[in-house]
Protein backbone atom coordinates (compact mmCIF):
# COMPACT_ATOMS: atom_id res chain seq x y z
CA UNK A 1 0.00 0.00 0.00
CA UNK A 2 2.82 2.41 0.87
CA UNK A 3 4.63 1.69 -2.40
CA UNK A 4 1.50 2.16 -4.48
CA UNK A 5 0.59 5.40 -2.78
CA UNK A 6 3.98 6.98 -3.31
CA UNK A 7 4.39 5.77 -6.89
CA UNK A 8 0.92 6.53 -8.23
CA UNK A 9 -0.62 9.22 -6.06
CA UNK A 10 2.33 11.46 -5.29
CA UNK A 11 1.19 14.89 -6.47
CA UNK A 12 3.21 17.28 -4.34
CA UNK A 13 6.71 16.88 -2.98
CA UNK A 14 5.90 19.11 -0.01
CA UNK A 15 2.78 17.13 0.91
CA UNK A 16 4.59 13.82 0.58
CA UNK A 17 7.50 15.09 2.65
CA UNK A 18 5.13 16.21 5.41
CA UNK A 19 3.38 12.84 5.31
CA UNK A 20 6.67 10.98 5.68
CA UNK A 21 7.72 13.23 8.55
CA UNK A 22 4.44 12.48 10.33
CA UNK A 23 5.03 8.74 9.92
CA UNK A 24 8.60 9.06 11.21
CA UNK A 25 7.24 10.42 14.48
CA UNK A 26 5.14 7.27 14.98
CA UNK A 27 6.69 4.08 16.29
CA UNK A 28 6.29 1.31 13.72
CA UNK A 29 7.87 -2.00 12.89
CA UNK A 30 11.40 -1.92 11.47
CA UNK A 31 10.27 -3.12 8.03
CA UNK A 32 7.70 -0.38 7.68
CA UNK A 33 10.17 2.23 8.94
CA UNK A 34 12.74 1.09 6.36
CA UNK A 35 10.16 1.27 3.57
CA UNK A 36 9.18 4.77 4.62
CA UNK A 37 12.79 5.95 4.74
CA UNK A 38 13.29 4.77 1.15
CA UNK A 39 10.28 6.84 0.09
CA UNK A 40 12.25 10.07 0.55
CA UNK A 41 13.86 9.16 -2.78
CA UNK A 42 10.41 9.22 -4.39
CA UNK A 43 9.80 12.64 -2.87
CA UNK A 44 13.05 13.96 -4.34
CA UNK A 45 12.17 12.45 -7.73
CA UNK A 46 8.80 14.21 -7.60
CA UNK A 47 10.56 17.46 -6.73
CA UNK A 48 12.80 17.02 -9.78
CA UNK A 49 9.66 16.67 -11.93
CA UNK A 50 8.22 19.81 -10.33
CA UNK A 51 11.43 21.67 -11.18
CA UNK A 52 11.12 20.56 -14.80
CA UNK A 53 7.49 21.76 -14.85
CA UNK A 54 8.48 25.14 -13.41
CA UNK A 55 11.29 25.52 -15.94
CA UNK A 56 8.92 24.66 -18.79
CA UNK A 57 6.31 27.10 -17.49
CA UNK A 58 8.91 29.85 -17.20
CA UNK A 59 10.41 29.34 -20.66
CA UNK A 60 6.97 29.17 -22.31
CA UNK A 61 5.69 32.33 -20.62
CA UNK A 62 8.75 34.48 -19.92
CA UNK A 63 8.01 36.88 -22.81
CA UNK A 64 4.32 37.20 -22.00
CA UNK A 65 3.59 35.96 -18.45
CA UNK A 66 0.01 35.49 -17.25
CA UNK A 67 -0.86 38.42 -14.99
CA UNK A 68 -4.14 39.54 -13.42
CA UNK A 69 -6.13 42.11 -15.41
CA UNK A 70 -6.05 44.76 -12.70
CA UNK A 71 -2.27 44.57 -12.08
CA UNK A 72 0.28 46.80 -13.80
CA UNK A 73 2.43 45.00 -16.36
CA UNK A 74 5.79 45.16 -14.58
CA UNK A 75 4.31 44.39 -11.17
CA UNK A 76 2.47 41.44 -12.66
CA UNK A 77 5.64 40.08 -14.23
CA UNK A 78 7.48 40.38 -10.93
CA UNK A 79 4.65 38.70 -9.01
CA UNK A 80 4.55 35.86 -11.55
CA UNK A 81 8.31 35.29 -11.31
CA UNK A 82 8.17 35.39 -7.51
CA UNK A 83 5.39 32.82 -7.47
CA UNK A 84 7.58 30.44 -9.47
CA UNK A 85 10.52 31.06 -7.13
CA UNK A 86 8.30 30.37 -4.11
CA UNK A 87 7.08 27.11 -5.65
CA UNK A 88 10.71 26.07 -6.12
CA UNK A 89 12.00 27.28 -2.77
CA UNK A 90 9.30 25.93 -0.43
CA UNK A 91 10.25 22.25 -0.86
CA UNK A 92 13.94 23.08 -0.48
CA UNK A 93 13.25 24.73 2.87
CA UNK A 94 11.38 21.58 3.96
CA UNK A 95 14.21 19.33 2.78
CA UNK A 96 16.76 21.36 4.73
CA UNK A 97 15.08 20.26 7.96
CA UNK A 98 16.10 16.68 7.15
CA UNK A 99 19.70 16.96 5.91
CA UNK A 100 20.26 13.19 5.82
CA UNK A 101 17.97 12.75 2.80
CA UNK A 102 19.98 15.30 0.84
CA UNK A 103 23.35 13.74 1.58
CA UNK A 104 22.41 10.18 0.61
CA UNK A 105 22.83 8.65 -2.83
PDB file of N, CA and C in Angstrom:
ATOM      1  N   UNK A   1       0.825  -1.189   0.000  1.00  0.00           N
ATOM      2  CA  UNK A   1       0.000   0.000   0.000  1.00  0.00           C
ATOM      3  C   UNK A   1       0.874   1.260   0.000  1.00  0.00           C
ATOM      4  N   UNK A   2       1.932   1.247   0.797  1.00  0.00           N
ATOM      5  CA  UNK A   2       2.818   2.406   0.870  1.00  0.00           C
ATOM      6  C   UNK A   2       3.478   2.643  -0.483  1.00  0.00           C
ATOM      7  N   UNK A   3       3.973   1.564  -1.105  1.00  0.00           N
ATOM      8  CA  UNK A   3       4.628   1.689  -2.404  1.00  0.00           C
ATOM      9  C   UNK A   3       3.675   2.245  -3.450  1.00  0.00           C
ATOM     10  N   UNK A   4       2.479   1.711  -3.503  1.00  0.00           N
ATOM     11  CA  UNK A   4       1.497   2.155  -4.482  1.00  0.00           C
ATOM     12  C   UNK A   4       1.139   3.624  -4.287  1.00  0.00           C
ATOM     13  N   UNK A   5       0.949   4.023  -3.068  1.00  0.00           N
ATOM     14  CA  UNK A   5       0.586   5.404  -2.782  1.00  0.00           C
ATOM     15  C   UNK A   5       1.664   6.366  -3.246  1.00  0.00           C
ATOM     16  N   UNK A   6       2.906   6.061  -2.954  1.00  0.00           N
ATOM     17  CA  UNK A   6       3.984   6.975  -3.308  1.00  0.00           C
ATOM     18  C   UNK A   6       4.351   6.937  -4.786  1.00  0.00           C
ATOM     19  N   UNK A   7       4.060   5.845  -5.475  1.00  0.00           N
ATOM     20  CA  UNK A   7       4.388   5.772  -6.887  1.00  0.00           C
ATOM     21  C   UNK A   7       3.281   6.333  -7.758  1.00  0.00           C
ATOM     22  N   UNK A   8       2.032   6.150  -7.373  1.00  0.00           N
ATOM     23  CA  UNK A   8       0.919   6.527  -8.233  1.00  0.00           C
ATOM     24  C   UNK A   8       0.214   7.811  -7.814  1.00  0.00           C
ATOM     25  N   UNK A   9       0.192   8.116  -6.534  1.00  0.00           N
ATOM     26  CA  UNK A   9      -0.625   9.217  -6.057  1.00  0.00           C
ATOM     27  C   UNK A   9       0.186  10.374  -5.506  1.00  0.00           C
ATOM     28  N   UNK A  10       1.461  10.404  -5.788  1.00  0.00           N
ATOM     29  CA  UNK A  10       2.330  11.459  -5.294  1.00  0.00           C
ATOM     30  C   UNK A  10       2.151  12.690  -6.178  1.00  0.00           C
ATOM     31  N   UNK A  11       1.470  13.704  -5.671  1.00  0.00           N
ATOM     32  CA  UNK A  11       1.189  14.888  -6.475  1.00  0.00           C
ATOM     33  C   UNK A  11       1.994  16.105  -6.056  1.00  0.00           C
ATOM     34  N   UNK A  12       2.475  16.138  -4.840  1.00  0.00           N
ATOM     35  CA  UNK A  12       3.214  17.283  -4.344  1.00  0.00           C
ATOM     36  C   UNK A  12       4.368  16.803  -3.478  1.00  0.00           C
ATOM     37  N   UNK A  13       5.556  17.300  -3.775  1.00  0.00           N
ATOM     38  CA  UNK A  13       6.712  16.878  -2.980  1.00  0.00           C
ATOM     39  C   UNK A  13       6.606  17.389  -1.544  1.00  0.00           C
ATOM     40  N   UNK A  14       6.042  18.560  -1.363  1.00  0.00           N
ATOM     41  CA  UNK A  14       5.895  19.111  -0.007  1.00  0.00           C
ATOM     42  C   UNK A  14       4.900  18.284   0.807  1.00  0.00           C
ATOM     43  N   UNK A  15       3.772  17.946   0.218  1.00  0.00           N
ATOM     44  CA  UNK A  15       2.776  17.134   0.914  1.00  0.00           C
ATOM     45  C   UNK A  15       3.306  15.752   1.256  1.00  0.00           C
ATOM     46  N   UNK A  16       4.020  15.144   0.321  1.00  0.00           N
ATOM     47  CA  UNK A  16       4.586  13.820   0.577  1.00  0.00           C
ATOM     48  C   UNK A  16       5.658  13.877   1.661  1.00  0.00           C
ATOM     49  N   UNK A  17       6.464  14.923   1.638  1.00  0.00           N
ATOM     50  CA  UNK A  17       7.501  15.087   2.655  1.00  0.00           C
ATOM     51  C   UNK A  17       6.868  15.232   4.038  1.00  0.00           C
ATOM     52  N   UNK A  18       5.827  16.043   4.122  1.00  0.00           N
ATOM     53  CA  UNK A  18       5.129  16.211   5.405  1.00  0.00           C
ATOM     54  C   UNK A  18       4.525  14.892   5.880  1.00  0.00           C
ATOM     55  N   UNK A  19       3.954  14.136   4.957  1.00  0.00           N
ATOM     56  CA  UNK A  19       3.377  12.842   5.310  1.00  0.00           C
ATOM     57  C   UNK A  19       4.437  11.899   5.862  1.00  0.00           C
ATOM     58  N   UNK A  20       5.590  11.842   5.201  1.00  0.00           N
ATOM     59  CA  UNK A  20       6.674  10.981   5.685  1.00  0.00           C
ATOM     60  C   UNK A  20       7.185  11.432   7.046  1.00  0.00           C
ATOM     61  N   UNK A  21       7.283  12.722   7.248  1.00  0.00           N
ATOM     62  CA  UNK A  21       7.716  13.229   8.551  1.00  0.00           C
ATOM     63  C   UNK A  21       6.731  12.834   9.641  1.00  0.00           C
ATOM     64  N   UNK A  22       5.447  12.878   9.345  1.00  0.00           N
ATOM     65  CA  UNK A  22       4.444  12.476  10.327  1.00  0.00           C
ATOM     66  C   UNK A  22       4.577  10.995  10.672  1.00  0.00           C
ATOM     67  N   UNK A  23       4.847  10.160   9.667  1.00  0.00           N
ATOM     68  CA  UNK A  23       5.032   8.737   9.916  1.00  0.00           C
ATOM     69  C   UNK A  23       6.310   8.466  10.696  1.00  0.00           C
ATOM     70  N   UNK A  24       7.339   9.267  10.488  1.00  0.00           N
ATOM     71  CA  UNK A  24       8.600   9.060  11.212  1.00  0.00           C
ATOM     72  C   UNK A  24       8.446   9.326  12.702  1.00  0.00           C
ATOM     73  N   UNK A  25       7.471  10.119  13.079  1.00  0.00           N
ATOM     74  CA  UNK A  25       7.239  10.420  14.482  1.00  0.00           C
ATOM     75  C   UNK A  25       6.423   9.338  15.187  1.00  0.00           C
ATOM     76  N   UNK A  26       5.943   8.352  14.424  1.00  0.00           N
ATOM     77  CA  UNK A  26       5.140   7.267  14.978  1.00  0.00           C
ATOM     78  C   UNK A  26       6.006   6.012  15.060  1.00  0.00           C
ATOM     79  N   UNK A  27       5.934   5.319  16.165  1.00  0.00           N
ATOM     80  CA  UNK A  27       6.689   4.079  16.286  1.00  0.00           C
ATOM     81  C   UNK A  27       6.007   2.989  15.461  1.00  0.00           C
ATOM     82  N   UNK A  28       6.798   2.391  14.566  1.00  0.00           N
ATOM     83  CA  UNK A  28       6.287   1.314  13.724  1.00  0.00           C
ATOM     84  C   UNK A  28       7.314   0.196  13.687  1.00  0.00           C
ATOM     85  N   UNK A  29       6.948  -0.885  13.036  1.00  0.00           N
ATOM     86  CA  UNK A  29       7.873  -2.000  12.886  1.00  0.00           C
ATOM     87  C   UNK A  29       9.058  -1.586  12.019  1.00  0.00           C
ATOM     88  N   UNK A  30      10.166  -2.265  12.183  1.00  0.00           N
ATOM     89  CA  UNK A  30      11.403  -1.917  11.470  1.00  0.00           C
ATOM     90  C   UNK A  30      11.223  -1.993   9.956  1.00  0.00           C
ATOM     91  N   UNK A  31      10.498  -2.970   9.476  1.00  0.00           N
ATOM     92  CA  UNK A  31      10.271  -3.118   8.031  1.00  0.00           C
ATOM     93  C   UNK A  31       9.514  -1.942   7.438  1.00  0.00           C
ATOM     94  N   UNK A  32       8.489  -1.528   8.148  1.00  0.00           N
ATOM     95  CA  UNK A  32       7.705  -0.382   7.681  1.00  0.00           C
ATOM     96  C   UNK A  32       8.549   0.886   7.734  1.00  0.00           C
ATOM     97  N   UNK A  33       9.312   1.051   8.793  1.00  0.00           N
ATOM     98  CA  UNK A  33      10.171   2.233   8.938  1.00  0.00           C
ATOM     99  C   UNK A  33      11.203   2.286   7.813  1.00  0.00           C
ATOM    100  N   UNK A  34      11.760   1.147   7.450  1.00  0.00           N
ATOM    101  CA  UNK A  34      12.743   1.094   6.362  1.00  0.00           C
ATOM    102  C   UNK A  34      12.092   1.456   5.027  1.00  0.00           C
ATOM    103  N   UNK A  35      10.895   0.940   4.793  1.00  0.00           N
ATOM    104  CA  UNK A  35      10.161   1.267   3.567  1.00  0.00           C
ATOM    105  C   UNK A  35       9.886   2.761   3.488  1.00  0.00           C
ATOM    106  N   UNK A  36       9.472   3.338   4.596  1.00  0.00           N
ATOM    107  CA  UNK A  36       9.184   4.768   4.618  1.00  0.00           C
ATOM    108  C   UNK A  36      10.444   5.599   4.382  1.00  0.00           C
ATOM    109  N   UNK A  37      11.555   5.173   4.925  1.00  0.00           N
ATOM    110  CA  UNK A  37      12.785   5.946   4.740  1.00  0.00           C
ATOM    111  C   UNK A  37      13.240   5.908   3.289  1.00  0.00           C
ATOM    112  N   UNK A  38      12.947   4.841   2.575  1.00  0.00           N
ATOM    113  CA  UNK A  38      13.288   4.774   1.150  1.00  0.00           C
ATOM    114  C   UNK A  38      12.370   5.670   0.310  1.00  0.00           C
ATOM    115  N   UNK A  39      11.239   6.026   0.846  1.00  0.00           N
ATOM    116  CA  UNK A  39      10.285   6.845   0.092  1.00  0.00           C
ATOM    117  C   UNK A  39      10.741   8.295  -0.060  1.00  0.00           C
ATOM    118  N   UNK A  40      11.726   8.716   0.723  1.00  0.00           N
ATOM    119  CA  UNK A  40      12.246  10.067   0.547  1.00  0.00           C
ATOM    120  C   UNK A  40      12.856  10.220  -0.850  1.00  0.00           C
ATOM    121  N   UNK A  41      13.352   9.117  -1.408  1.00  0.00           N
ATOM    122  CA  UNK A  41      13.862   9.163  -2.779  1.00  0.00           C
ATOM    123  C   UNK A  41      12.740   9.502  -3.752  1.00  0.00           C
ATOM    124  N   UNK A  42      11.557   8.913  -3.543  1.00  0.00           N
ATOM    125  CA  UNK A  42      10.408   9.224  -4.388  1.00  0.00           C
ATOM    126  C   UNK A  42      10.019  10.694  -4.279  1.00  0.00           C
ATOM    127  N   UNK A  43      10.125  11.225  -3.077  1.00  0.00           N
ATOM    128  CA  UNK A  43       9.800  12.639  -2.872  1.00  0.00           C
ATOM    129  C   UNK A  43      10.779  13.521  -3.650  1.00  0.00           C
ATOM    130  N   UNK A  44      12.053  13.183  -3.602  1.00  0.00           N
ATOM    131  CA  UNK A  44      13.048  13.959  -4.337  1.00  0.00           C
ATOM    132  C   UNK A  44      12.863  13.821  -5.847  1.00  0.00           C
ATOM    133  N   UNK A  45      12.457  12.636  -6.309  1.00  0.00           N
ATOM    134  CA  UNK A  45      12.165  12.447  -7.727  1.00  0.00           C
ATOM    135  C   UNK A  45      10.981  13.309  -8.147  1.00  0.00           C
ATOM    136  N   UNK A  46       9.963  13.363  -7.300  1.00  0.00           N
ATOM    137  CA  UNK A  46       8.798  14.208  -7.597  1.00  0.00           C
ATOM    138  C   UNK A  46       9.203  15.674  -7.637  1.00  0.00           C
ATOM    139  N   UNK A  47      10.087  16.079  -6.739  1.00  0.00           N
ATOM    140  CA  UNK A  47      10.560  17.458  -6.729  1.00  0.00           C
ATOM    141  C   UNK A  47      11.315  17.770  -8.024  1.00  0.00           C
ATOM    142  N   UNK A  48      12.092  16.822  -8.516  1.00  0.00           N
ATOM    143  CA  UNK A  48      12.801  17.023  -9.782  1.00  0.00           C
ATOM    144  C   UNK A  48      11.805  17.237 -10.923  1.00  0.00           C
ATOM    145  N   UNK A  49      10.701  16.478 -10.918  1.00  0.00           N
ATOM    146  CA  UNK A  49       9.655  16.670 -11.930  1.00  0.00           C
ATOM    147  C   UNK A  49       9.019  18.049 -11.792  1.00  0.00           C
ATOM    148  N   UNK A  50       8.790  18.485 -10.555  1.00  0.00           N
ATOM    149  CA  UNK A  50       8.217  19.810 -10.326  1.00  0.00           C
ATOM    150  C   UNK A  50       9.156  20.898 -10.844  1.00  0.00           C
ATOM    151  N   UNK A  51      10.463  20.708 -10.656  1.00  0.00           N
ATOM    152  CA  UNK A  51      11.431  21.674 -11.179  1.00  0.00           C
ATOM    153  C   UNK A  51      11.363  21.742 -12.701  1.00  0.00           C
ATOM    154  N   UNK A  52      11.248  20.588 -13.340  1.00  0.00           N
ATOM    155  CA  UNK A  52      11.116  20.561 -14.797  1.00  0.00           C
ATOM    156  C   UNK A  52       9.852  21.284 -15.249  1.00  0.00           C
ATOM    157  N   UNK A  53       8.750  21.076 -14.524  1.00  0.00           N
ATOM    158  CA  UNK A  53       7.494  21.757 -14.851  1.00  0.00           C
ATOM    159  C   UNK A  53       7.619  23.268 -14.698  1.00  0.00           C
ATOM    160  N   UNK A  54       8.290  23.703 -13.630  1.00  0.00           N
ATOM    161  CA  UNK A  54       8.482  25.140 -13.408  1.00  0.00           C
ATOM    162  C   UNK A  54       9.368  25.748 -14.493  1.00  0.00           C
ATOM    163  N   UNK A  55      10.406  25.028 -14.877  1.00  0.00           N
ATOM    164  CA  UNK A  55      11.290  25.519 -15.941  1.00  0.00           C
ATOM    165  C   UNK A  55      10.524  25.640 -17.262  1.00  0.00           C
ATOM    166  N   UNK A  56       9.724  24.629 -17.556  1.00  0.00           N
ATOM    167  CA  UNK A  56       8.922  24.657 -18.786  1.00  0.00           C
ATOM    168  C   UNK A  56       7.940  25.820 -18.759  1.00  0.00           C
ATOM    169  N   UNK A  57       7.271  26.004 -17.619  1.00  0.00           N
ATOM    170  CA  UNK A  57       6.315  27.100 -17.487  1.00  0.00           C
ATOM    171  C   UNK A  57       7.013  28.447 -17.679  1.00  0.00           C
ATOM    172  N   UNK A  58       8.188  28.587 -17.096  1.00  0.00           N
ATOM    173  CA  UNK A  58       8.912  29.850 -17.202  1.00  0.00           C
ATOM    174  C   UNK A  58       9.343  30.115 -18.647  1.00  0.00           C
ATOM    175  N   UNK A  59       9.925  29.121 -19.297  1.00  0.00           N
ATOM    176  CA  UNK A  59      10.405  29.341 -20.663  1.00  0.00           C
ATOM    177  C   UNK A  59       9.261  29.589 -21.640  1.00  0.00           C
ATOM    178  N   UNK A  60       8.120  28.963 -21.423  1.00  0.00           N
ATOM    179  CA  UNK A  60       6.970  29.174 -22.308  1.00  0.00           C
ATOM    180  C   UNK A  60       6.343  30.554 -22.138  1.00  0.00           C
ATOM    181  N   UNK A  61       6.410  31.096 -20.912  1.00  0.00           N
ATOM    182  CA  UNK A  61       5.687  32.332 -20.623  1.00  0.00           C
ATOM    183  C   UNK A  61       6.574  33.520 -20.263  1.00  0.00           C
ATOM    184  N   UNK A  62       7.897  33.404 -20.400  1.00  0.00           N
ATOM    185  CA  UNK A  62       8.755  34.484 -19.925  1.00  0.00           C
ATOM    186  C   UNK A  62       8.568  35.768 -20.726  1.00  0.00           C
ATOM    187  N   UNK A  63       8.224  35.676 -21.990  1.00  0.00           N
ATOM    188  CA  UNK A  63       8.007  36.883 -22.809  1.00  0.00           C
ATOM    189  C   UNK A  63       6.655  37.530 -22.541  1.00  0.00           C
ATOM    190  N   UNK A  64       5.678  36.705 -22.228  1.00  0.00           N
ATOM    191  CA  UNK A  64       4.318  37.204 -22.000  1.00  0.00           C
ATOM    192  C   UNK A  64       3.692  36.427 -20.834  1.00  0.00           C
ATOM    193  N   UNK A  65       4.105  36.725 -19.598  1.00  0.00           N
ATOM    194  CA  UNK A  65       3.589  35.960 -18.451  1.00  0.00           C
ATOM    195  C   UNK A  65       2.116  36.261 -18.165  1.00  0.00           C
ATOM    196  N   UNK A  66       1.411  35.264 -17.632  1.00  0.00           N
ATOM    197  CA  UNK A  66       0.009  35.491 -17.253  1.00  0.00           C
ATOM    198  C   UNK A  66      -0.056  36.371 -16.006  1.00  0.00           C
ATOM    199  N   UNK A  67      -0.712  37.508 -16.131  1.00  0.00           N
ATOM    200  CA  UNK A  67      -0.857  38.420 -14.988  1.00  0.00           C
ATOM    201  C   UNK A  67      -2.322  38.805 -14.844  1.00  0.00           C
ATOM    202  N   UNK A  68      -2.745  39.127 -13.617  1.00  0.00           N
ATOM    203  CA  UNK A  68      -4.138  39.540 -13.418  1.00  0.00           C
ATOM    204  C   UNK A  68      -4.457  40.813 -14.204  1.00  0.00           C
ATOM    205  N   UNK A  69      -5.714  40.974 -14.595  1.00  0.00           N
ATOM    206  CA  UNK A  69      -6.133  42.109 -15.411  1.00  0.00           C
ATOM    207  C   UNK A  69      -5.936  43.449 -14.714  1.00  0.00           C
ATOM    208  N   UNK A  70      -6.107  43.489 -13.413  1.00  0.00           N
ATOM    209  CA  UNK A  70      -6.051  44.762 -12.695  1.00  0.00           C
ATOM    210  C   UNK A  70      -4.653  45.100 -12.174  1.00  0.00           C
ATOM    211  N   UNK A  71      -3.627  44.342 -12.577  1.00  0.00           N
ATOM    212  CA  UNK A  71      -2.275  44.571 -12.082  1.00  0.00           C
ATOM    213  C   UNK A  71      -1.430  45.222 -13.180  1.00  0.00           C
ATOM    214  N   UNK A  72      -0.611  46.209 -12.809  1.00  0.00           N
ATOM    215  CA  UNK A  72       0.284  46.802 -13.804  1.00  0.00           C
ATOM    216  C   UNK A  72       1.225  45.753 -14.396  1.00  0.00           C
ATOM    217  N   UNK A  73       1.657  45.985 -15.625  1.00  0.00           N
ATOM    218  CA  UNK A  73       2.431  45.003 -16.365  1.00  0.00           C
ATOM    219  C   UNK A  73       3.700  44.574 -15.628  1.00  0.00           C
ATOM    220  N   UNK A  74       4.525  45.513 -15.225  1.00  0.00           N
ATOM    221  CA  UNK A  74       5.788  45.156 -14.576  1.00  0.00           C
ATOM    222  C   UNK A  74       5.567  44.498 -13.219  1.00  0.00           C
ATOM    223  N   UNK A  75       4.620  45.004 -12.471  1.00  0.00           N
ATOM    224  CA  UNK A  75       4.307  44.386 -11.172  1.00  0.00           C
ATOM    225  C   UNK A  75       3.790  42.970 -11.359  1.00  0.00           C
ATOM    226  N   UNK A  76       2.994  42.764 -12.378  1.00  0.00           N
ATOM    227  CA  UNK A  76       2.466  41.439 -12.661  1.00  0.00           C
ATOM    228  C   UNK A  76       3.567  40.464 -13.047  1.00  0.00           C
ATOM    229  N   UNK A  77       4.519  40.936 -13.848  1.00  0.00           N
ATOM    230  CA  UNK A  77       5.639  40.077 -14.233  1.00  0.00           C
ATOM    231  C   UNK A  77       6.475  39.688 -13.015  1.00  0.00           C
ATOM    232  N   UNK A  78       6.704  40.650 -12.147  1.00  0.00           N
ATOM    233  CA  UNK A  78       7.484  40.381 -10.930  1.00  0.00           C
ATOM    234  C   UNK A  78       6.742  39.395 -10.027  1.00  0.00           C
ATOM    235  N   UNK A  79       5.449  39.600  -9.853  1.00  0.00           N
ATOM    236  CA  UNK A  79       4.651  38.702  -9.008  1.00  0.00           C
ATOM    237  C   UNK A  79       4.648  37.283  -9.582  1.00  0.00           C
ATOM    238  N   UNK A  80       4.541  37.172 -10.895  1.00  0.00           N
ATOM    239  CA  UNK A  80       4.551  35.862 -11.547  1.00  0.00           C
ATOM    240  C   UNK A  80       5.888  35.159 -11.318  1.00  0.00           C
ATOM    241  N   UNK A  81       6.983  35.878 -11.513  1.00  0.00           N
ATOM    242  CA  UNK A  81       8.310  35.291 -11.308  1.00  0.00           C
ATOM    243  C   UNK A  81       8.511  34.889  -9.841  1.00  0.00           C
ATOM    244  N   UNK A  82       8.044  35.713  -8.930  1.00  0.00           N
ATOM    245  CA  UNK A  82       8.172  35.386  -7.505  1.00  0.00           C
ATOM    246  C   UNK A  82       7.357  34.153  -7.134  1.00  0.00           C
ATOM    247  N   UNK A  83       6.207  33.997  -7.769  1.00  0.00           N
ATOM    248  CA  UNK A  83       5.393  32.815  -7.467  1.00  0.00           C
ATOM    249  C   UNK A  83       6.115  31.542  -7.895  1.00  0.00           C
ATOM    250  N   UNK A  84       6.813  31.600  -9.026  1.00  0.00           N
ATOM    251  CA  UNK A  84       7.581  30.443  -9.473  1.00  0.00           C
ATOM    252  C   UNK A  84       8.726  30.172  -8.500  1.00  0.00           C
ATOM    253  N   UNK A  85       9.418  31.220  -8.078  1.00  0.00           N
ATOM    254  CA  UNK A  85      10.521  31.064  -7.128  1.00  0.00           C
ATOM    255  C   UNK A  85      10.017  30.451  -5.826  1.00  0.00           C
ATOM    256  N   UNK A  86       8.874  30.907  -5.353  1.00  0.00           N
ATOM    257  CA  UNK A  86       8.301  30.373  -4.113  1.00  0.00           C
ATOM    258  C   UNK A  86       7.974  28.892  -4.261  1.00  0.00           C
ATOM    259  N   UNK A  87       7.427  28.503  -5.421  1.00  0.00           N
ATOM    260  CA  UNK A  87       7.084  27.109  -5.651  1.00  0.00           C
ATOM    261  C   UNK A  87       8.323  26.225  -5.734  1.00  0.00           C
ATOM    262  N   UNK A  88       9.453  26.814  -6.086  1.00  0.00           N
ATOM    263  CA  UNK A  88      10.709  26.069  -6.122  1.00  0.00           C
ATOM    264  C   UNK A  88      11.349  26.024  -4.741  1.00  0.00           C
ATOM    265  N   UNK A  89      11.281  27.131  -4.033  1.00  0.00           N
ATOM    266  CA  UNK A  89      12.003  27.276  -2.765  1.00  0.00           C
ATOM    267  C   UNK A  89      11.321  26.578  -1.583  1.00  0.00           C
ATOM    268  N   UNK A  90      10.026  26.518  -1.555  1.00  0.00           N
ATOM    269  CA  UNK A  90       9.298  25.927  -0.425  1.00  0.00           C
ATOM    270  C   UNK A  90       9.727  24.484  -0.150  1.00  0.00           C
ATOM    271  N   UNK A  91       9.788  23.611  -1.153  1.00  0.00           N
ATOM    272  CA  UNK A  91      10.251  22.249  -0.858  1.00  0.00           C
ATOM    273  C   UNK A  91      11.697  22.214  -0.369  1.00  0.00           C
ATOM    274  N   UNK A  92      12.544  23.060  -0.912  1.00  0.00           N
ATOM    275  CA  UNK A  92      13.945  23.081  -0.482  1.00  0.00           C
ATOM    276  C   UNK A  92      14.030  23.404   1.003  1.00  0.00           C
ATOM    277  N   UNK A  93      13.248  24.380   1.448  1.00  0.00           N
ATOM    278  CA  UNK A  93      13.247  24.730   2.868  1.00  0.00           C
ATOM    279  C   UNK A  93      12.802  23.550   3.726  1.00  0.00           C
ATOM    280  N   UNK A  94      11.832  22.780   3.238  1.00  0.00           N
ATOM    281  CA  UNK A  94      11.385  21.582   3.962  1.00  0.00           C
ATOM    282  C   UNK A  94      12.493  20.540   3.997  1.00  0.00           C
ATOM    283  N   UNK A  95      13.153  20.341   2.859  1.00  0.00           N
ATOM    284  CA  UNK A  95      14.207  19.328   2.782  1.00  0.00           C
ATOM    285  C   UNK A  95      15.383  19.674   3.682  1.00  0.00           C
ATOM    286  N   UNK A  96      15.646  20.943   3.881  1.00  0.00           N
ATOM    287  CA  UNK A  96      16.757  21.356   4.731  1.00  0.00           C
ATOM    288  C   UNK A  96      16.562  20.922   6.177  1.00  0.00           C
ATOM    289  N   UNK A  97      15.332  20.698   6.585  1.00  0.00           N
ATOM    290  CA  UNK A  97      15.075  20.258   7.955  1.00  0.00           C
ATOM    291  C   UNK A  97      15.490  18.809   8.163  1.00  0.00           C
ATOM    292  N   UNK A  98      15.725  18.090   7.082  1.00  0.00           N
ATOM    293  CA  UNK A  98      16.101  16.675   7.149  1.00  0.00           C
ATOM    294  C   UNK A  98      17.318  16.464   6.248  1.00  0.00           C
ATOM    295  N   UNK A  99      18.461  16.961   6.700  1.00  0.00           N
ATOM    296  CA  UNK A  99      19.695  16.957   5.915  1.00  0.00           C
ATOM    297  C   UNK A  99      20.104  15.569   5.436  1.00  0.00           C
ATOM    298  N   UNK A 100      19.801  14.523   6.194  1.00  0.00           N
ATOM    299  CA  UNK A 100      20.259  13.193   5.824  1.00  0.00           C
ATOM    300  C   UNK A 100      19.683  12.710   4.498  1.00  0.00           C
ATOM    301  N   UNK A 101      18.503  13.199   4.090  1.00  0.00           N
ATOM    302  CA  UNK A 101      17.969  12.750   2.795  1.00  0.00           C
ATOM    303  C   UNK A 101      18.695  13.445   1.645  1.00  0.00           C
ATOM    304  N   UNK A 102      19.267  14.595   1.894  1.00  0.00           N
ATOM    305  CA  UNK A 102      19.977  15.302   0.840  1.00  0.00           C
ATOM    306  C   UNK A 102      21.397  14.795   0.650  1.00  0.00           C
ATOM    307  N   UNK A 103      21.968  14.189   1.670  1.00  0.00           N
ATOM    308  CA  UNK A 103      23.353  13.736   1.582  1.00  0.00           C
ATOM    309  C   UNK A 103      23.470  12.281   1.126  1.00  0.00           C
ATOM    310  N   UNK A 104      22.369  11.574   1.032  1.00  0.00           N
ATOM    311  CA  UNK A 104      22.413  10.182   0.605  1.00  0.00           C
ATOM    312  C   UNK A 104      22.621  10.076  -0.891  1.00  0.00           C
ATOM    313  N   UNK A 105      22.632   8.865  -1.387  1.00  0.00           N
ATOM    314  CA  UNK A 105      22.830   8.649  -2.826  1.00  0.00           C
ATOM    315  C   UNK A 105      21.582   9.059  -3.593  1.00  0.00           C
TER     316      UNK A 105
END
